[in-house]
N, C-alpha and C. Protein backbone atom coordinates (compact mmCIF):
# COMPACT_ATOMS: atom_id res chain seq x y z
N UNK A 1 124.20 116.45 12.56
CA UNK A 1 124.38 117.59 11.71
C UNK A 1 123.06 118.33 11.59
N UNK A 2 123.15 119.61 11.45
CA UNK A 2 121.96 120.44 11.30
C UNK A 2 121.83 120.86 9.83
N UNK A 3 121.15 120.03 9.06
CA UNK A 3 121.00 120.24 7.62
C UNK A 3 119.94 121.31 7.37
N UNK A 4 120.30 122.31 6.58
CA UNK A 4 119.31 123.32 6.21
C UNK A 4 118.80 123.11 4.79
N UNK A 5 119.64 122.54 3.91
CA UNK A 5 119.22 122.25 2.54
C UNK A 5 119.89 120.98 2.05
N UNK A 6 119.18 120.24 1.22
CA UNK A 6 119.72 119.06 0.56
C UNK A 6 119.16 119.06 -0.85
N UNK A 7 120.06 118.91 -1.82
CA UNK A 7 119.61 118.94 -3.21
C UNK A 7 120.43 117.95 -4.02
N UNK A 8 119.79 117.15 -4.82
CA UNK A 8 118.36 116.99 -5.03
C UNK A 8 117.76 116.11 -3.94
N UNK A 9 116.44 116.02 -3.92
CA UNK A 9 115.76 115.20 -2.93
C UNK A 9 115.51 113.77 -3.42
N UNK A 10 115.96 113.46 -4.63
CA UNK A 10 115.91 112.11 -5.18
C UNK A 10 117.35 111.65 -5.41
N UNK A 11 117.71 110.56 -4.76
CA UNK A 11 119.10 110.10 -4.76
C UNK A 11 119.17 108.66 -5.27
N UNK A 12 120.05 108.37 -6.23
CA UNK A 12 120.20 107.00 -6.71
C UNK A 12 120.74 106.07 -5.63
N UNK A 13 120.18 104.86 -5.56
CA UNK A 13 120.65 103.86 -4.60
C UNK A 13 120.17 102.48 -5.04
N UNK A 14 121.07 101.53 -5.03
CA UNK A 14 120.70 100.15 -5.33
C UNK A 14 120.23 99.42 -4.07
N UNK A 15 120.83 99.75 -2.95
CA UNK A 15 120.46 99.15 -1.66
C UNK A 15 119.76 100.23 -0.83
N UNK A 16 118.45 100.34 -1.01
CA UNK A 16 117.70 101.43 -0.41
C UNK A 16 117.74 101.41 1.12
N UNK A 17 117.57 100.28 1.80
CA UNK A 17 117.67 100.31 3.27
C UNK A 17 119.03 100.83 3.75
N UNK A 18 120.09 100.45 3.06
CA UNK A 18 121.42 100.92 3.43
C UNK A 18 121.56 102.42 3.17
N UNK A 19 121.01 102.89 2.06
CA UNK A 19 121.05 104.32 1.74
C UNK A 19 120.27 105.13 2.78
N UNK A 20 119.09 104.66 3.15
CA UNK A 20 118.30 105.34 4.18
C UNK A 20 119.12 105.42 5.47
N UNK A 21 119.73 104.33 5.86
CA UNK A 21 120.53 104.30 7.09
C UNK A 21 121.71 105.26 7.00
N UNK A 22 122.42 105.29 5.86
CA UNK A 22 123.57 106.17 5.68
C UNK A 22 123.16 107.63 5.82
N UNK A 23 122.15 108.06 5.07
CA UNK A 23 121.76 109.47 5.09
C UNK A 23 121.12 109.85 6.43
N UNK A 24 120.39 108.93 7.05
CA UNK A 24 119.80 109.21 8.36
C UNK A 24 120.89 109.40 9.41
N UNK A 25 121.88 108.51 9.43
CA UNK A 25 122.91 108.57 10.46
C UNK A 25 123.94 109.66 10.19
N UNK A 26 124.43 109.78 8.97
CA UNK A 26 125.48 110.75 8.68
C UNK A 26 124.93 112.18 8.74
N UNK A 27 123.70 112.39 8.26
CA UNK A 27 123.16 113.75 8.21
C UNK A 27 122.06 114.00 9.24
N UNK A 28 121.83 113.05 10.13
CA UNK A 28 120.83 113.20 11.20
C UNK A 28 119.46 113.59 10.65
N UNK A 29 119.06 112.97 9.54
CA UNK A 29 117.76 113.26 8.95
C UNK A 29 116.68 112.43 9.63
N UNK A 30 115.51 113.01 9.84
CA UNK A 30 114.45 112.27 10.52
C UNK A 30 113.81 111.20 9.62
N UNK A 31 113.43 110.09 10.24
CA UNK A 31 112.71 109.02 9.55
C UNK A 31 111.22 109.32 9.59
N UNK A 32 110.57 108.99 8.49
CA UNK A 32 109.12 109.09 8.41
C UNK A 32 108.65 107.72 7.96
N UNK A 33 107.70 107.15 8.68
CA UNK A 33 107.24 105.81 8.32
C UNK A 33 105.98 105.91 7.48
N UNK A 34 105.98 105.19 6.37
CA UNK A 34 104.86 105.22 5.45
C UNK A 34 104.16 103.89 5.40
N UNK A 35 103.56 103.61 4.26
CA UNK A 35 102.85 102.35 4.07
C UNK A 35 103.76 101.17 4.37
N UNK A 36 103.20 100.17 4.99
CA UNK A 36 103.90 98.92 5.28
C UNK A 36 105.13 99.14 6.17
N UNK A 37 105.15 100.26 6.90
CA UNK A 37 106.21 100.55 7.86
C UNK A 37 107.60 100.65 7.25
N UNK A 38 107.71 100.95 5.96
CA UNK A 38 109.04 101.15 5.40
C UNK A 38 109.53 102.55 5.76
N UNK A 39 110.79 102.66 6.06
CA UNK A 39 111.35 103.94 6.51
C UNK A 39 111.74 104.80 5.31
N UNK A 40 111.40 106.05 5.42
CA UNK A 40 111.80 107.05 4.43
C UNK A 40 112.35 108.22 5.21
N UNK A 41 113.02 109.12 4.54
CA UNK A 41 113.60 110.28 5.21
C UNK A 41 112.92 111.55 4.73
N UNK A 42 113.04 112.59 5.55
CA UNK A 42 112.50 113.88 5.14
C UNK A 42 113.41 114.99 5.62
N UNK A 43 113.21 116.16 5.00
CA UNK A 43 113.91 117.36 5.41
C UNK A 43 112.91 118.50 5.32
N UNK A 44 112.64 119.12 6.45
CA UNK A 44 111.67 120.21 6.52
C UNK A 44 110.32 119.80 5.95
N UNK A 45 109.91 118.56 6.21
CA UNK A 45 108.61 118.07 5.76
C UNK A 45 108.57 117.56 4.34
N UNK A 46 109.64 117.70 3.58
CA UNK A 46 109.69 117.19 2.21
C UNK A 46 110.36 115.82 2.21
N UNK A 47 109.77 114.88 1.50
CA UNK A 47 110.32 113.54 1.45
C UNK A 47 111.58 113.45 0.62
N UNK A 48 112.48 112.59 1.05
CA UNK A 48 113.69 112.26 0.30
C UNK A 48 113.48 110.86 -0.26
N UNK A 49 113.64 110.71 -1.56
CA UNK A 49 113.42 109.42 -2.18
C UNK A 49 114.72 108.84 -2.69
N UNK A 50 114.78 107.53 -2.73
CA UNK A 50 115.94 106.81 -3.24
C UNK A 50 115.48 106.03 -4.46
N UNK A 51 116.19 106.22 -5.58
CA UNK A 51 115.78 105.68 -6.86
C UNK A 51 116.72 104.56 -7.28
N UNK A 52 116.15 103.41 -7.59
CA UNK A 52 116.96 102.28 -8.07
C UNK A 52 117.27 102.46 -9.56
N UNK A 53 118.37 101.85 -9.98
CA UNK A 53 118.77 101.82 -11.39
C UNK A 53 118.93 103.21 -12.00
N UNK A 54 119.51 104.13 -11.27
CA UNK A 54 119.80 105.46 -11.78
C UNK A 54 121.30 105.71 -11.67
N UNK A 55 121.82 106.57 -12.53
CA UNK A 55 123.25 106.89 -12.51
C UNK A 55 123.60 107.72 -11.28
N UNK A 56 124.84 107.58 -10.83
CA UNK A 56 125.32 108.35 -9.69
C UNK A 56 125.24 109.84 -9.97
N UNK A 57 125.05 110.62 -8.91
CA UNK A 57 124.88 112.07 -9.05
C UNK A 57 125.74 112.80 -8.02
N UNK A 58 125.71 114.12 -8.10
CA UNK A 58 126.31 114.98 -7.09
C UNK A 58 125.19 115.48 -6.19
N UNK A 59 125.40 115.34 -4.89
CA UNK A 59 124.42 115.79 -3.89
C UNK A 59 125.06 116.95 -3.14
N UNK A 60 124.29 117.99 -2.92
CA UNK A 60 124.80 119.14 -2.16
C UNK A 60 124.00 119.26 -0.86
N UNK A 61 124.73 119.36 0.25
CA UNK A 61 124.11 119.46 1.56
C UNK A 61 124.66 120.71 2.24
N UNK A 62 123.77 121.61 2.63
CA UNK A 62 124.17 122.81 3.34
C UNK A 62 123.81 122.62 4.80
N UNK A 63 124.79 122.86 5.68
CA UNK A 63 124.58 122.61 7.11
C UNK A 63 124.88 123.86 7.92
N UNK A 64 124.38 123.85 9.15
CA UNK A 64 124.56 124.97 10.07
C UNK A 64 125.61 124.66 11.13
N UNK A 65 126.48 123.71 10.88
CA UNK A 65 127.49 123.29 11.84
C UNK A 65 128.83 123.96 11.52
N UNK A 66 129.71 123.98 12.51
CA UNK A 66 131.04 124.53 12.29
C UNK A 66 131.88 123.51 11.53
N UNK A 67 132.90 123.96 10.81
CA UNK A 67 133.78 123.01 10.11
C UNK A 67 134.39 121.96 11.05
N UNK A 68 134.79 122.37 12.25
CA UNK A 68 135.38 121.42 13.20
C UNK A 68 134.35 120.36 13.60
N UNK A 69 133.11 120.77 13.83
CA UNK A 69 132.06 119.81 14.19
C UNK A 69 131.80 118.83 13.05
N UNK A 70 131.83 119.32 11.82
CA UNK A 70 131.61 118.46 10.67
C UNK A 70 132.72 117.43 10.54
N UNK A 71 133.96 117.86 10.66
CA UNK A 71 135.08 116.91 10.58
C UNK A 71 134.98 115.86 11.68
N UNK A 72 134.66 116.26 12.90
CA UNK A 72 134.50 115.30 13.99
C UNK A 72 133.35 114.34 13.73
N UNK A 73 132.28 114.84 13.17
CA UNK A 73 131.13 113.99 12.84
C UNK A 73 131.53 112.93 11.82
N UNK A 74 132.27 113.34 10.78
CA UNK A 74 132.73 112.37 9.78
C UNK A 74 133.64 111.32 10.42
N UNK A 75 134.52 111.74 11.30
CA UNK A 75 135.42 110.80 11.98
C UNK A 75 134.60 109.82 12.81
N UNK A 76 133.63 110.32 13.56
CA UNK A 76 132.81 109.46 14.43
C UNK A 76 132.00 108.44 13.65
N UNK A 77 131.61 108.78 12.41
CA UNK A 77 130.81 107.86 11.60
C UNK A 77 131.65 107.15 10.53
N UNK A 78 132.98 107.26 10.63
CA UNK A 78 133.90 106.58 9.72
C UNK A 78 133.61 106.91 8.25
N UNK A 79 133.33 108.19 7.99
CA UNK A 79 133.08 108.66 6.63
C UNK A 79 134.33 109.40 6.16
N UNK A 80 135.08 108.80 5.23
CA UNK A 80 136.31 109.47 4.77
C UNK A 80 135.99 110.60 3.78
N UNK A 81 136.80 111.62 3.83
CA UNK A 81 136.69 112.69 2.85
C UNK A 81 137.36 112.21 1.57
N UNK A 82 136.75 112.51 0.42
CA UNK A 82 137.30 112.07 -0.86
C UNK A 82 138.37 113.01 -1.37
N UNK A 83 138.38 114.23 -0.86
CA UNK A 83 139.44 115.20 -1.15
C UNK A 83 139.44 116.23 -0.03
N UNK A 84 140.51 116.98 0.11
CA UNK A 84 140.59 117.94 1.22
C UNK A 84 139.50 119.02 1.14
N UNK A 85 139.09 119.49 2.29
CA UNK A 85 138.10 120.57 2.37
C UNK A 85 138.67 121.84 1.75
N UNK A 86 137.79 122.67 1.21
CA UNK A 86 138.18 123.93 0.60
C UNK A 86 137.32 125.05 1.16
N UNK A 87 137.90 126.24 1.29
CA UNK A 87 137.12 127.43 1.64
C UNK A 87 136.83 128.17 0.34
N UNK A 88 135.53 128.32 0.05
CA UNK A 88 135.07 128.99 -1.16
C UNK A 88 134.01 130.01 -0.75
N UNK A 89 134.23 131.25 -1.08
CA UNK A 89 133.26 132.31 -0.76
C UNK A 89 132.86 132.30 0.72
N UNK A 90 133.82 132.21 1.60
CA UNK A 90 133.63 132.25 3.05
C UNK A 90 132.83 131.07 3.60
N UNK A 91 132.74 129.98 2.85
CA UNK A 91 132.09 128.77 3.32
C UNK A 91 133.08 127.62 3.16
N UNK A 92 133.05 126.67 4.09
CA UNK A 92 133.93 125.50 4.00
C UNK A 92 133.17 124.38 3.31
N UNK A 93 133.79 123.82 2.26
CA UNK A 93 133.20 122.75 1.47
C UNK A 93 133.94 121.45 1.77
N UNK A 94 133.20 120.43 2.18
CA UNK A 94 133.74 119.10 2.43
C UNK A 94 133.25 118.19 1.32
N UNK A 95 134.06 117.19 0.98
CA UNK A 95 133.73 116.29 -0.12
C UNK A 95 133.80 114.85 0.37
N UNK A 96 132.66 114.16 0.29
CA UNK A 96 132.58 112.76 0.70
C UNK A 96 131.81 112.01 -0.39
N UNK A 97 131.64 110.72 -0.22
CA UNK A 97 130.85 109.91 -1.14
C UNK A 97 130.05 108.90 -0.34
N UNK A 98 128.90 108.54 -0.87
CA UNK A 98 128.17 107.44 -0.24
C UNK A 98 128.65 106.13 -0.86
N UNK A 99 128.17 105.01 -0.37
CA UNK A 99 128.63 103.70 -0.84
C UNK A 99 128.12 103.37 -2.24
N UNK A 100 127.20 104.18 -2.78
CA UNK A 100 126.65 103.98 -4.11
C UNK A 100 127.44 104.72 -5.19
N UNK A 101 128.42 105.53 -4.78
CA UNK A 101 129.21 106.30 -5.72
C UNK A 101 128.70 107.71 -5.96
N UNK A 102 127.68 108.12 -5.23
CA UNK A 102 127.23 109.50 -5.32
C UNK A 102 128.22 110.37 -4.59
N UNK A 103 128.62 111.47 -5.21
CA UNK A 103 129.52 112.42 -4.52
C UNK A 103 128.66 113.40 -3.73
N UNK A 104 129.14 113.76 -2.57
CA UNK A 104 128.38 114.63 -1.67
C UNK A 104 129.26 115.79 -1.27
N UNK A 105 128.78 116.99 -1.53
CA UNK A 105 129.47 118.22 -1.13
C UNK A 105 128.71 118.79 0.07
N UNK A 106 129.40 118.85 1.20
CA UNK A 106 128.81 119.37 2.43
C UNK A 106 129.36 120.77 2.64
N UNK A 107 128.46 121.74 2.73
CA UNK A 107 128.87 123.14 2.82
C UNK A 107 128.48 123.71 4.18
N UNK A 108 129.48 124.22 4.88
CA UNK A 108 129.26 124.89 6.16
C UNK A 108 129.41 126.39 5.94
N UNK A 109 128.32 127.10 6.09
CA UNK A 109 128.35 128.56 5.84
C UNK A 109 128.62 129.31 7.13
């Protein structure tokens, strides 16, 4: 996926390695290695952090992919949609969730 925006950049997760893997694979985010070789993710040079012991949130991801490409990507990565996609203001909105219970709205403009 070609992510242009992700908000917020701090995401709750109890299993941080699994969260890093999910967001890296589902959204094709690049890994950045820091101290002690632990993997972190970034978007346009800004770090994405995963916070333990925080309540689930809504994450918004804006992508530059077509709706058909997004649906195929979800199928290929076995990511089910939590509700049917909607067209709002000429953009297609997809709704998924991560394994931590965070809801994710993926918007294709």
